[in-house]
């Protein structure tokens, strides 16, 4: 069976660091923009948790997974 391609976890970490250390500081506190950034941070954290759950399920069922850094990996020209 072909490995299941999933994003490398570093993608989530990079997004979270950017959102938490740069983006959120660029807007005023208690604004709609601040609230949306907070919601985005929560959504990215949830996505990471869901991916970890998928990885655990794949491991339990012996389904191979393959971490990808980009969509260009493994392309044959």
Protein backbone atom coordinates (compact mmCIF):
# COMPACT_ATOMS: atom_id res chain seq x y z
CA UNK A 1 0.00 0.00 0.00
CA UNK A 2 1.19 3.50 -0.85
CA UNK A 3 2.00 5.73 2.12
CA UNK A 4 -0.65 8.32 2.97
CA UNK A 5 0.79 11.78 2.26
CA UNK A 6 0.30 14.27 5.09
CA UNK A 7 1.82 17.67 5.83
CA UNK A 8 4.94 17.80 7.92
CA UNK A 9 4.09 19.03 11.41
CA UNK A 10 6.52 21.89 10.98
CA UNK A 11 3.94 23.57 8.74
CA UNK A 12 1.57 23.89 11.69
CA UNK A 13 4.34 25.06 14.00
CA UNK A 14 5.45 27.72 11.55
CA UNK A 15 1.87 29.01 11.15
CA UNK A 16 1.33 29.10 14.89
CA UNK A 17 4.59 30.92 15.55
CA UNK A 18 3.83 33.50 12.89
CA UNK A 19 0.26 34.04 14.09
CA UNK A 20 1.16 34.15 17.79
CA UNK A 21 4.38 36.18 17.60
CA UNK A 22 3.84 38.52 14.66
CA UNK A 23 0.30 38.67 13.30
CA UNK A 24 -1.52 39.08 16.61
CA UNK A 25 0.85 41.87 17.65
CA UNK A 26 0.15 43.77 14.44
CA UNK A 27 -3.50 44.47 15.32
CA UNK A 28 -5.16 46.27 18.20
CA UNK A 29 -6.40 44.24 21.15
CA UNK A 30 -10.19 43.73 21.41
CA UNK A 31 -10.87 44.36 17.73
CA UNK A 32 -12.58 42.14 15.17
CA UNK A 33 -9.22 41.50 13.56
CA UNK A 34 -7.71 40.36 16.86
CA UNK A 35 -10.67 38.05 17.45
CA UNK A 36 -10.34 36.52 13.96
CA UNK A 37 -6.65 35.91 14.48
CA UNK A 38 -7.44 34.17 17.79
CA UNK A 39 -10.00 32.00 15.97
CA UNK A 40 -7.44 31.19 13.31
CA UNK A 41 -4.91 30.15 15.96
CA UNK A 42 -7.50 27.85 17.54
CA UNK A 43 -8.33 26.36 14.12
CA UNK A 44 -4.66 25.63 13.35
CA UNK A 45 -4.21 24.02 16.77
CA UNK A 46 -7.30 21.85 16.14
CA UNK A 47 -5.96 20.86 12.72
CA UNK A 48 -2.68 19.76 14.31
CA UNK A 49 -4.54 17.69 16.92
CA UNK A 50 -6.66 16.08 14.21
CA UNK A 51 -3.57 15.22 12.19
CA UNK A 52 -1.95 13.65 15.25
CA UNK A 53 -5.11 11.57 15.75
CA UNK A 54 -4.96 10.47 12.10
CA UNK A 55 -1.32 9.49 12.55
CA UNK A 56 -2.20 7.41 15.61
CA UNK A 57 -5.02 5.65 13.75
CA UNK A 58 -2.71 4.91 10.84
CA UNK A 59 -0.07 3.57 13.21
CA UNK A 60 -2.61 1.35 14.99
CA UNK A 61 -3.87 -0.05 11.68
CA UNK A 62 -0.38 -0.35 10.15
CA UNK A 63 -1.12 2.15 7.39
CA UNK A 64 2.07 3.87 6.27
CA UNK A 65 2.21 7.66 6.28
CA UNK A 66 4.65 9.95 4.55
CA UNK A 67 5.37 13.49 5.69
CA UNK A 68 5.53 16.06 2.93
CA UNK A 69 7.17 19.47 2.92
CA UNK A 70 5.61 20.60 -0.35
CA UNK A 71 3.36 19.47 -3.17
CA UNK A 72 6.41 19.10 -5.42
CA UNK A 73 7.85 16.15 -3.54
CA UNK A 74 7.99 12.95 -5.50
CA UNK A 75 7.01 14.58 -8.80
CA UNK A 76 8.54 12.93 -11.79
CA UNK A 77 9.20 15.06 -14.86
